[in-house]
Protein backbone atom coordinates (compact mmCIF):
# COMPACT_ATOMS: atom_id res chain seq x y z
CA MET A 1 -66.57 129.67 90.92
CA LEU A 2 -64.56 131.77 93.28
CA ARG A 3 -60.46 131.89 92.86
CA LEU A 4 -59.66 132.50 96.54
CA SER A 5 -55.99 132.74 97.68
CA LEU A 6 -54.88 129.99 100.08
CA LEU A 7 -54.90 132.59 102.43
CA HIS A 8 -58.16 132.88 102.68
CA VAL A 9 -59.49 129.24 102.13
CA LYS A 10 -61.64 127.56 105.06
CA PRO A 11 -61.80 123.91 106.56
CA GLY A 12 -65.11 122.98 104.98
CA MET A 13 -65.06 124.93 101.39
CA ILE A 14 -65.49 122.60 98.60
CA SER A 15 -63.21 122.76 95.41
CA SER A 16 -64.88 123.70 92.38
CA ARG A 17 -61.84 123.13 89.52
CA ASP A 18 -59.49 120.20 89.20
CA ILE A 19 -55.45 121.44 89.56
CA TYR A 20 -53.16 119.62 87.79
CA ASN A 21 -49.63 120.03 88.08
CA ALA A 22 -47.07 120.45 84.97
CA ASN A 23 -46.43 116.88 84.40
CA GLY A 24 -50.51 116.27 84.20
CA SER A 25 -51.01 114.55 87.38
CA LEU A 26 -54.04 115.52 89.56
CA LEU A 27 -53.74 117.66 92.81
CA LEU A 28 -57.10 118.41 93.72
CA GLY A 29 -60.45 117.21 92.06
CA LYS A 30 -63.55 119.29 92.04
CA ASP A 31 -65.95 118.62 94.71
CA LEU A 32 -63.49 117.91 97.79
CA ILE A 33 -64.21 119.42 101.35
CA LEU A 34 -61.26 120.93 102.06
CA ASP A 35 -59.70 119.96 105.42
CA ALA A 36 -56.61 121.54 107.22
CA ASN A 37 -54.60 118.92 106.47
CA PHE A 38 -54.97 119.41 102.84
CA LEU A 39 -54.88 123.04 102.38
CA GLU A 40 -51.14 122.15 104.68
CA ARG A 41 -50.34 120.35 101.64
CA LEU A 42 -51.37 122.86 98.81
CA ALA A 43 -49.54 125.18 100.25
CA ASN A 44 -46.33 122.84 101.01
CA MET A 45 -46.57 122.22 96.52
CA GLY A 46 -46.72 126.14 96.28
CA ILE A 47 -50.24 126.33 95.42
CA ALA A 48 -51.19 129.94 96.29
CA SER A 49 -54.92 129.69 95.33
CA VAL A 50 -57.77 127.18 94.31
CA TYR A 51 -61.23 127.59 93.29
CA VAL A 52 -64.14 127.06 95.45
CA LYS A 53 -67.75 127.03 94.90
CA ASN A 54 -69.50 130.27 95.46
CA PRO A 55 -72.02 130.37 98.58
CA PHE A 56 -74.46 132.23 96.61
CA CYS A 57 -74.89 130.27 93.53
CA GLU A 58 -74.80 127.14 91.79
CA THR A 59 -71.49 126.83 90.07
CA VAL A 60 -71.53 128.34 86.63
CA PRO A 61 -69.59 126.84 84.27
CA THR A 62 -66.99 128.72 82.03
CA GLU A 63 -65.88 127.87 78.29
CA ASP A 64 -62.27 127.74 78.03
CA VAL A 65 -60.46 128.30 74.63
CA LEU A 66 -58.32 125.26 75.22
CA TYR A 67 -59.74 122.38 75.77
CA GLU A 68 -58.16 120.75 79.32
CA GLN A 69 -56.54 117.88 77.68
CA THR A 70 -54.85 119.97 75.41
CA ARG A 71 -53.73 122.18 77.91
CA ILE A 72 -52.34 119.11 80.44
CA GLU A 73 -50.46 117.94 77.24
CA ALA A 74 -48.92 121.33 76.16
CA VAL A 75 -47.78 122.31 79.37
CA GLN A 76 -46.23 118.69 80.45
CA PHE A 77 -44.45 119.00 77.01
CA ILE A 78 -42.84 121.99 77.89
CA GLN A 79 -42.14 121.20 81.69
CA GLU A 80 -40.48 118.17 80.16
CA ALA A 81 -38.69 119.71 77.24
CA PHE A 82 -37.52 122.60 79.41
CA GLU A 83 -36.30 120.65 82.60
CA GLU A 84 -34.15 118.35 80.09
CA PHE A 85 -32.60 121.56 78.84
CA ARG A 86 -32.05 122.39 82.01
CA THR A 87 -30.09 119.29 82.93
CA SER A 88 -28.56 118.74 79.19
CA GLN A 89 -28.30 121.92 77.99
CA ILE A 90 -29.84 120.12 74.80
CA LEU A 91 -33.61 121.44 73.96
CA LYS A 92 -35.67 118.13 72.37
CA LEU A 93 -38.92 119.85 70.73
CA TYR A 94 -39.68 116.86 68.34
CA ASP A 95 -43.30 116.74 69.40
CA LEU A 96 -43.31 120.79 69.15
CA ARG A 97 -45.11 120.81 66.08
CA GLN A 98 -48.05 118.99 66.76
CA VAL A 99 -48.30 120.78 70.46
CA VAL A 100 -48.62 123.87 68.82
CA GLU A 101 -51.15 122.48 66.31
CA ARG A 102 -53.56 121.27 68.45
CA ILE A 103 -53.69 124.52 70.52
CA ILE A 104 -54.29 126.24 67.10
CA GLU A 105 -56.99 123.77 66.41
CA ASP A 106 -59.03 124.41 69.61
CA ILE A 107 -58.27 127.88 69.55
CA LEU A 108 -59.96 127.97 65.47
CA PHE A 109 -62.68 125.36 67.02
CA ASN A 110 -63.27 128.05 70.04
CA LYS A 111 -62.34 131.48 68.52
CA ASP A 112 -65.94 133.14 69.58
CA VAL A 113 -65.11 131.97 73.20
CA LEU A 114 -63.50 135.20 74.91
CA ILE A 115 -60.26 134.28 76.97
CA HIS A 116 -60.41 133.47 80.27
CA LEU A 117 -57.74 131.95 82.01
CA THR A 118 -58.76 129.73 85.09
CA ASP A 119 -55.52 127.48 85.57
CA ILE A 120 -54.16 127.29 88.97
CA ARG A 121 -50.43 126.58 88.92
CA ALA A 122 -47.72 125.80 91.72
CA ARG A 123 -44.91 127.84 91.87
CA ASP A 124 -42.15 125.57 90.56
CA ASP A 125 -44.82 125.11 87.26
CA TYR A 126 -45.20 129.16 86.89
CA THR A 127 -43.11 129.09 83.59
CA PHE A 128 -44.40 126.02 82.14
CA VAL A 129 -47.89 127.07 82.28
CA HIS A 130 -47.10 130.63 81.58
CA SER A 131 -45.67 129.82 78.28
CA VAL A 132 -49.11 127.85 77.24
CA ASN A 133 -51.08 131.20 78.14
CA VAL A 134 -48.91 133.67 76.37
CA CYS A 135 -49.27 130.81 73.54
CA LEU A 136 -52.99 131.14 73.82
CA ILE A 137 -53.22 134.40 74.01
CA SER A 138 -51.08 135.38 71.56
CA THR A 139 -52.34 132.59 68.82
CA MET A 140 -55.65 133.93 69.48
CA ILE A 141 -54.78 137.77 68.69
CA GLY A 142 -52.89 136.50 65.49
CA VAL A 143 -56.46 134.59 64.58
CA LYS A 144 -58.28 137.91 65.39
CA MET A 145 -55.93 139.92 63.21
CA HIS A 146 -56.37 137.77 60.29
CA PHE A 147 -53.07 135.90 60.14
CA SER A 148 -52.53 133.16 57.68
CA ASP A 149 -51.86 129.64 58.59
CA ARG A 150 -48.36 129.90 58.08
CA GLN A 151 -48.18 133.31 60.34
CA VAL A 152 -50.40 131.76 62.84
CA THR A 153 -47.69 128.62 63.24
CA GLU A 154 -44.73 130.91 63.57
CA LEU A 155 -46.75 133.04 66.27
CA ALA A 156 -47.62 130.12 68.24
CA THR A 157 -44.55 128.37 68.04
CA GLY A 158 -42.30 131.69 69.40
CA ALA A 159 -44.96 132.53 72.03
CA ILE A 160 -44.51 129.08 73.59
CA LEU A 161 -40.93 129.01 73.88
CA HIS A 162 -40.87 132.78 74.76
CA ASP A 163 -39.31 132.13 77.92
CA VAL A 164 -37.09 129.66 77.66
CA GLY A 165 -34.09 131.40 78.16
CA MET A 166 -35.66 131.65 81.84
CA MET A 167 -34.30 127.64 81.96
CA SER A 168 -30.44 129.02 82.01
CA VAL A 169 -31.62 131.63 85.32
CA SER A 170 -31.50 130.87 88.85
CA PRO A 171 -34.94 129.18 90.22
CA ASP A 172 -34.14 131.29 93.18
CA LEU A 173 -34.16 134.34 91.47
CA VAL A 174 -37.28 133.45 89.59
CA ASN A 175 -39.40 132.54 92.61
CA LYS A 176 -37.68 135.46 94.98
CA LYS A 177 -40.40 137.09 97.01
CA ASP A 178 -38.37 140.47 97.75
CA ARG A 179 -37.32 143.00 95.31
CA LEU A 180 -34.49 141.78 93.21
CA THR A 181 -31.49 143.98 93.57
CA SER A 182 -29.80 145.88 90.50
CA ASP A 183 -27.34 142.59 89.59
CA GLU A 184 -30.11 140.57 90.44
CA TRP A 185 -32.12 142.37 87.63
CA ASP A 186 -29.67 142.56 84.72
CA ILE A 187 -29.15 138.62 85.37
CA THR A 188 -32.84 138.14 85.22
CA LYS A 189 -32.91 140.15 82.14
CA GLU A 190 -30.45 138.25 80.06
CA HIS A 191 -33.44 135.41 79.73
CA THR A 192 -33.89 137.02 76.29
CA ASN A 193 -30.76 136.91 74.99
CA LEU A 194 -30.22 133.53 76.01
CA GLY A 195 -33.84 132.41 74.90
CA PHE A 196 -32.82 133.59 71.29
CA ASP A 197 -29.15 131.85 71.53
CA ILE A 198 -30.94 128.58 72.65
CA LEU A 199 -33.73 128.62 69.58
CA ARG A 200 -31.04 130.08 66.87
CA MET A 201 -28.42 128.05 67.99
CA GLN A 202 -29.64 124.51 68.24
CA GLY A 203 -31.83 125.49 65.16
CA ALA A 204 -35.41 124.25 66.66
CA VAL A 205 -37.40 126.51 65.41
CA THR A 206 -37.59 129.54 62.34
CA MET A 207 -35.66 132.82 63.08
CA VAL A 208 -38.77 135.01 62.99
CA SER A 209 -40.09 132.63 65.58
CA SER A 210 -36.83 132.88 67.86
CA GLN A 211 -37.44 136.83 67.76
CA VAL A 212 -40.62 136.25 70.07
CA ALA A 213 -37.64 135.07 73.00
CA TYR A 214 -35.24 138.13 71.77
CA GLN A 215 -37.94 140.88 71.79
CA HIS A 216 -41.15 140.00 73.69
CA HIS A 217 -39.69 142.83 76.37
CA GLU A 218 -39.23 145.27 73.90
CA ASN A 219 -41.77 148.29 74.40
CA PHE A 220 -43.47 149.85 71.92
CA ASP A 221 -42.04 153.23 73.21
CA GLY A 222 -38.55 152.31 72.98
CA THR A 223 -38.07 151.77 76.85
CA GLY A 224 -37.77 147.61 77.06
CA TYR A 225 -34.89 145.55 76.73
CA PRO A 226 -32.49 143.95 75.47
CA ARG A 227 -31.95 146.65 72.36
CA GLY A 228 -34.43 149.49 73.40
CA ILE A 229 -35.91 149.78 69.89
CA SER A 230 -39.20 150.99 69.09
CA GLY A 231 -42.24 150.84 67.39
CA GLU A 232 -42.39 147.87 64.15
CA ASP A 233 -38.77 147.76 64.71
CA VAL A 234 -39.99 145.49 67.25
CA HIS A 235 -41.15 142.11 65.50
CA GLN A 236 -45.22 141.94 65.03
CA TYR A 237 -45.10 138.33 66.68
CA ALA A 238 -43.25 139.94 69.79
CA ARG A 239 -45.55 143.02 69.77
CA ILE A 240 -48.49 140.37 70.40
CA ALA A 241 -46.69 138.26 72.99
CA ALA A 242 -45.98 140.99 75.06
CA VAL A 243 -49.44 142.12 75.64
CA ALA A 244 -49.91 138.41 76.27
CA ASP A 245 -47.04 138.09 78.54
CA ILE A 246 -47.61 141.31 80.54
CA TYR A 247 -51.78 140.03 80.94
CA ASP A 248 -51.28 136.77 82.39
CA ALA A 249 -48.50 138.07 84.74
CA MET A 250 -50.61 140.36 86.15
CA THR A 251 -53.33 137.69 86.44
CA SER A 252 -51.14 134.91 88.49
CA HIS A 253 -50.28 134.53 91.74
CA ARG A 254 -46.43 134.99 92.12
CA ALA A 255 -43.99 135.07 94.95
CA TYR A 256 -44.09 139.09 94.99
CA HIS A 257 -47.40 139.88 94.15
CA PRO A 258 -50.58 138.38 94.23
CA ALA A 259 -53.09 137.59 91.02
CA MET A 260 -55.15 140.47 89.98
CA LEU A 261 -58.11 140.27 88.74
CA PRO A 262 -59.18 140.41 85.26
CA HIS A 263 -60.74 143.90 85.22
CA GLU A 264 -57.90 145.23 87.10
CA ALA A 265 -55.48 143.82 84.82
CA TYR A 266 -57.44 144.97 81.91
CA GLU A 267 -57.56 148.15 82.76
CA LEU A 268 -53.57 148.68 83.34
CA ILE A 269 -53.36 147.15 79.68
CA VAL A 270 -55.29 150.01 78.49
CA GLY A 271 -52.70 152.23 80.33
CA TYR A 272 -50.00 150.69 78.77
CA ARG A 273 -51.26 151.29 75.18
CA GLY A 274 -49.04 153.12 73.04
CA THR A 275 -46.35 153.42 75.58
CA LYS A 276 -45.38 149.63 76.63
CA LEU A 277 -47.48 148.24 74.30
CA ASP A 278 -48.46 148.07 70.49
CA PRO A 279 -51.88 150.05 70.20
CA HIS A 280 -53.37 147.97 67.58
CA VAL A 281 -52.63 144.75 69.80
CA VAL A 282 -54.53 145.90 72.54
CA ASP A 283 -57.49 146.78 70.94
CA VAL A 284 -57.55 143.56 69.70
CA PHE A 285 -57.03 141.60 72.81
CA LEU A 286 -59.29 143.93 74.60
CA GLU A 287 -62.27 142.79 72.57
CA ASN A 288 -61.21 139.17 73.08
CA VAL A 289 -60.34 138.90 76.88
CA VAL A 290 -63.08 138.52 79.54
CA LEU A 291 -63.48 141.48 81.76
CA PHE A 292 -66.07 140.00 84.47
CA PRO A 293 -65.25 136.10 84.47
CA GLU A 294 -68.75 134.36 85.22
CA GLY A 295 -69.54 133.69 88.29
CA THR A 296 -67.95 137.01 89.60
CA MET A 297 -70.09 139.11 92.28
CA VAL A 298 -70.48 142.54 91.43
CA LEU A 299 -72.26 145.91 93.07
CA LEU A 300 -74.27 147.20 90.66
CA ASP A 301 -75.52 151.27 90.60
CA THR A 302 -78.85 149.91 91.56
CA GLY A 303 -77.59 148.89 94.85
CA ASP A 304 -78.18 145.51 93.48
CA ILE A 305 -75.71 142.48 94.51
CA GLY A 306 -75.61 140.09 91.71
CA VAL A 307 -73.51 137.32 90.06
CA VAL A 308 -72.02 137.81 86.60
CA VAL A 309 -73.77 134.84 84.51
CA LYS A 310 -73.15 135.42 80.93
CA VAL A 311 -70.68 137.67 79.18
CA ILE A 312 -70.89 138.69 75.53
CA PRO A 313 -68.18 139.20 73.06
CA LYS A 314 -67.32 142.84 72.50
CA LEU A 315 -70.14 144.08 75.49
CA GLN A 316 -67.69 143.03 78.14
CA SER A 317 -67.96 146.02 80.25
CA ARG A 318 -72.14 145.13 79.97
CA PRO A 319 -72.85 141.32 81.73
CA ILE A 320 -75.62 139.45 82.00
CA VAL A 321 -75.95 139.34 85.71
CA LYS A 322 -78.38 137.20 88.48
CA VAL A 323 -79.33 139.73 91.59
CA VAL A 324 -79.11 137.85 94.80
CA GLY A 325 -78.83 140.62 97.52
CA ASN A 326 -78.81 144.60 97.90
CA GLU A 327 -76.09 146.63 99.03
CA LYS A 328 -77.72 146.23 102.60
CA CYS A 329 -76.70 142.56 102.54
CA LYS A 330 -80.48 141.16 102.45
CA GLU A 331 -80.69 138.68 100.22
CA ILE A 332 -83.30 138.94 97.46
CA THR A 333 -85.03 135.40 96.03
CA GLY A 334 -86.15 134.89 92.23
CA GLY A 335 -83.39 135.21 90.52
CA ARG A 336 -84.13 138.60 88.71
CA ILE A 337 -82.37 139.26 86.13
CA ALA A 338 -80.15 142.39 85.35
CA ASP A 339 -79.09 142.39 81.51
CA LEU A 340 -76.46 145.19 80.96
CA THR A 341 -76.51 144.59 77.27
CA LYS A 342 -80.14 145.89 77.42
CA GLU A 343 -80.58 147.88 80.44
CA LEU A 344 -78.03 150.66 79.36
CA THR A 345 -78.40 153.03 82.09
CA ARG A 346 -76.96 150.28 84.47
CA PHE A 347 -73.50 149.81 85.14
CA VAL A 348 -71.40 147.74 87.50
CA VAL A 349 -69.71 150.20 90.06
CA LYS A 350 -67.83 147.49 91.97
CA VAL A 351 -66.17 143.96 91.57
CA TYR A 352 -66.37 141.98 95.04
CA LYS A 353 -62.97 140.31 95.82
CA PRO A 354 -62.83 136.44 96.33
CA GLU A 355 -62.49 136.86 100.23
CA GLU A 356 -65.36 139.58 100.39
CA VAL A 357 -67.82 137.03 98.60
CA VAL A 358 -66.63 134.36 101.26
CA ALA A 359 -67.32 136.97 104.03
CA MET A 360 -70.09 138.31 103.12
CA LYS A 361 -73.49 137.48 104.87
CA LEU A 362 -76.81 137.49 103.13
CA THR A 363 -80.18 138.08 105.31
CA GLU A 364 -83.58 137.63 104.90
């Protein structure tokens, strides 16, 4: 599959993944031939990208840590709870425990599956989907750090509610395309204090879970907000959620920046290790996130162009690649496999952006 910005999608391309809104309604089904009218409708709904079929290979099925129904129900729950709070100032979390338990169950069952975020979200649904993704990544990290059942539940609960304070910030600021002014940035940063107050005053969750909403923008080196605390003075749950929050934000299409490819976000996370982010948490995260998702088109040092068909946990930089062409855009048939876990002198020198793939022409 190719996650392609709507700007580069052409009529006649075929969708390869379902897209749902926060209410759980199907917006786009897979295997649908996209036409100009439908693309315009998606743009009007605030959909920034879609998954389309790769012209050079069959769709590569990707395993997700969360089952589709779990994800749909979790996003719908957060959307309903947050929107209700926006209008009534009452946070109703009656089914929160059940939602969190479903997420934890999926992660425990699929704990050997690498984190591979595959959701497409509408502009107005960003906060709700982001909340579920931060919960997913944070919980996976907690499981890999051998947290107790109680700790995993506390972490997951805090992570899924980490941005509840955003419901007290104007949507115009959250979705603003231009750079925020100094005053607007100060208002937006208040979401950490607001979120903590909401959870603490309404008694919706435990105090340790509430710390995630309060501290997830504190940096390991003390340069964050709201208090500028550092190191282990930042609650461990918040240090974990900070990694998840930054990664999901970087790999998402936003009003003010396009989505990064996973390997680009991976490199930035490495760069934040020990400054913005807790180095131990980063190390655990990097062992459990996909670097080159299955279906990614890459150029090898041999000059071969190929499609990633499999990624081995803890060897994410050495994928198994099906060769389809060479750097002169000559098609190679026969399906030769380059297994970089065994061909140790071979390596990936370039990852093709989706728009480069759809523009690529391989000749016989």
